[in-house]
Protein backbone atom coordinates (compact mmCIF):
# COMPACT_ATOMS: atom_id res chain seq x y z
CA GLN A 1 135.72 102.32 -89.86
CA VAL A 2 136.70 105.24 -90.94
CA GLN A 3 136.59 108.22 -88.03
CA LEU A 4 136.49 111.85 -89.90
CA VAL A 5 136.23 115.12 -87.81
CA GLU A 6 135.91 118.13 -88.61
CA SER A 7 137.99 121.69 -87.54
CA GLY A 8 138.20 125.19 -88.53
CA GLY A 9 134.40 126.35 -89.12
CA GLY A 10 133.99 130.25 -87.47
CA LEU A 11 132.26 133.43 -88.01
CA VAL A 12 133.42 135.52 -90.73
CA GLN A 13 132.57 138.38 -92.83
CA ALA A 14 131.19 138.45 -96.60
CA GLY A 15 134.24 138.46 -98.90
CA GLY A 16 136.28 136.87 -96.59
CA SER A 17 138.18 133.37 -96.59
CA LEU A 18 138.47 130.14 -94.35
CA ARG A 19 139.91 127.22 -94.43
CA LEU A 20 138.46 123.86 -93.17
CA ALA A 21 140.59 120.22 -92.09
CA CYS A 22 138.99 117.02 -92.22
CA LYS A 23 141.19 114.52 -90.41
CA ALA A 24 140.85 110.55 -91.41
CA SER A 25 141.64 107.73 -88.96
CA GLY A 26 140.34 104.30 -89.06
CA ARG A 27 140.58 102.38 -92.91
CA THR A 28 142.45 102.18 -95.64
CA ALA A 29 142.55 101.68 -99.67
CA THR A 30 144.07 101.67 -102.73
CA LYS A 31 141.47 104.20 -103.91
CA TYR A 32 139.53 106.97 -101.94
CA ARG A 33 136.38 109.32 -101.92
CA MET A 34 136.71 111.92 -99.81
CA GLY A 35 134.06 115.54 -100.06
CA TRP A 36 132.96 117.89 -98.41
CA PHE A 37 128.76 119.04 -98.37
CA ARG A 38 126.86 121.58 -96.44
CA GLN A 39 123.69 121.72 -94.72
CA ALA A 40 121.61 126.10 -94.29
CA PRO A 41 118.73 125.14 -91.47
CA GLY A 42 115.68 124.22 -93.33
CA LYS A 43 117.56 123.07 -96.23
CA GLU A 44 118.35 119.75 -97.20
CA ARG A 45 122.78 119.03 -97.11
CA GLU A 46 124.05 119.44 -100.93
CA PHE A 47 126.87 118.48 -102.33
CA VAL A 48 129.91 120.81 -101.79
CA ALA A 49 132.85 119.36 -103.30
CA GLY A 50 135.19 116.00 -104.28
CA LEU A 51 138.59 114.80 -104.29
CA SER A 52 138.83 111.11 -104.99
CA TRP A 53 142.23 109.35 -105.46
CA SER A 54 143.89 105.79 -106.94
CA TRP A 55 146.87 104.01 -106.14
CA SER A 56 147.75 104.28 -110.04
CA TRP A 57 146.47 107.66 -111.07
CA SER A 58 149.26 110.68 -111.32
CA SER A 59 146.85 112.56 -109.43
CA ASP A 60 143.65 113.25 -108.13
CA SER A 61 140.48 114.25 -109.84
CA ARG A 62 138.48 117.50 -108.16
CA TRP A 63 134.75 118.13 -108.50
CA TYR A 64 132.84 120.96 -107.15
CA SER A 65 129.20 122.49 -107.32
CA ASP A 66 127.95 125.30 -109.33
CA SER A 67 127.65 127.58 -106.27
CA VAL A 68 131.38 127.55 -105.52
CA LYS A 69 133.01 126.88 -108.20
CA GLY A 70 136.00 129.25 -108.37
CA ARG A 71 136.03 129.98 -105.17
CA PHE A 72 136.38 126.57 -102.66
CA THR A 73 139.11 124.93 -103.67
CA ILE A 74 139.78 120.69 -102.06
CA LEU A 75 143.33 119.99 -101.16
CA GLY A 76 144.37 116.40 -100.34
CA ASP A 77 147.34 115.40 -97.99
CA ASN A 78 147.68 111.85 -97.82
CA ALA A 79 150.94 112.06 -95.46
CA ARG A 80 148.58 113.48 -93.08
CA ASN A 81 145.57 111.50 -94.02
CA THR A 82 143.66 114.97 -94.46
CA VAL A 83 141.55 116.63 -96.66
CA TYR A 84 141.13 120.56 -96.69
CA LEU A 85 138.12 122.92 -98.16
CA GLU A 86 139.52 126.55 -98.73
CA MET A 87 136.98 129.11 -98.80
CA SER A 88 137.20 132.26 -100.42
CA SER A 89 135.08 135.10 -101.21
CA LEU A 90 132.48 134.03 -99.72
CA LYS A 91 128.89 134.50 -99.40
CA PRO A 92 126.31 134.94 -96.33
CA GLU A 93 124.35 131.73 -98.24
CA ASP A 94 127.31 129.65 -97.93
CA THR A 95 126.32 129.81 -94.06
CA ALA A 96 125.71 125.98 -93.71
CA VAL A 97 127.40 123.37 -90.83
CA TYR A 98 130.06 122.00 -93.45
CA TYR A 99 130.09 117.96 -92.95
CA CYS A 100 133.13 116.02 -94.68
CA ALA A 101 132.85 112.59 -95.97
CA ALA A 102 134.31 110.02 -97.60
CA SER A 103 133.57 106.94 -98.99
CA PRO A 104 137.30 104.47 -98.90
CA GLY A 105 137.84 101.66 -102.16
CA ASP A 106 135.96 104.19 -103.50
CA SER A 107 136.68 106.52 -106.89
CA SER A 108 133.86 107.69 -108.87
CA THR A 109 132.97 111.49 -108.78
CA ASN A 110 129.82 111.16 -107.48
CA ALA A 111 127.61 114.22 -105.37
CA ASP A 112 124.65 112.06 -104.31
CA THR A 113 125.16 112.27 -100.53
CA GLU A 114 123.47 108.71 -100.62
CA GLN A 115 126.14 107.09 -101.97
CA TRP A 116 129.35 108.25 -99.51
CA ASP A 117 129.93 106.14 -96.61
CA TYR A 118 131.12 107.91 -93.54
CA TRP A 119 130.06 111.09 -92.27
CA GLY A 120 132.68 113.71 -89.57
CA GLN A 121 129.89 115.81 -87.31
CA GLY A 122 129.85 118.36 -88.69
CA THR A 123 131.24 122.16 -88.15
CA GLN A 124 128.88 125.45 -88.62
CA VAL A 125 130.49 128.53 -91.15
CA THR A 126 128.32 131.33 -90.48
CA VAL A 127 128.87 134.45 -93.06
CA SER A 128 127.97 138.09 -92.11
CA SER A 129 126.93 140.20 -94.09
């Protein structure tokens, strides 16, 4: 089992920045995938950013949705078992509940909601115009 706890959401004006954090506890693995998704009212949950890691790699792999590429950055801190989502140049359309997700034992890049094993409770991000 893996427990994920998100923090850092809030209200910000358009053009501003926020940093979300997701702390993982529980199962460890020699390869791992963590990511962020979001869900706006009346819409389906969508992929935002992902980070995968394997003990045999010299660096991690990161991938982003086109809508956030260049504005959002996903970062991992292995020592703290935490993944961050640094969001800048925020737009009102970024308003959503942001969810952290994880798949221990899997280092593939995947944006399919159905292919992720564990989810956090979500944190609200609201961008005012």
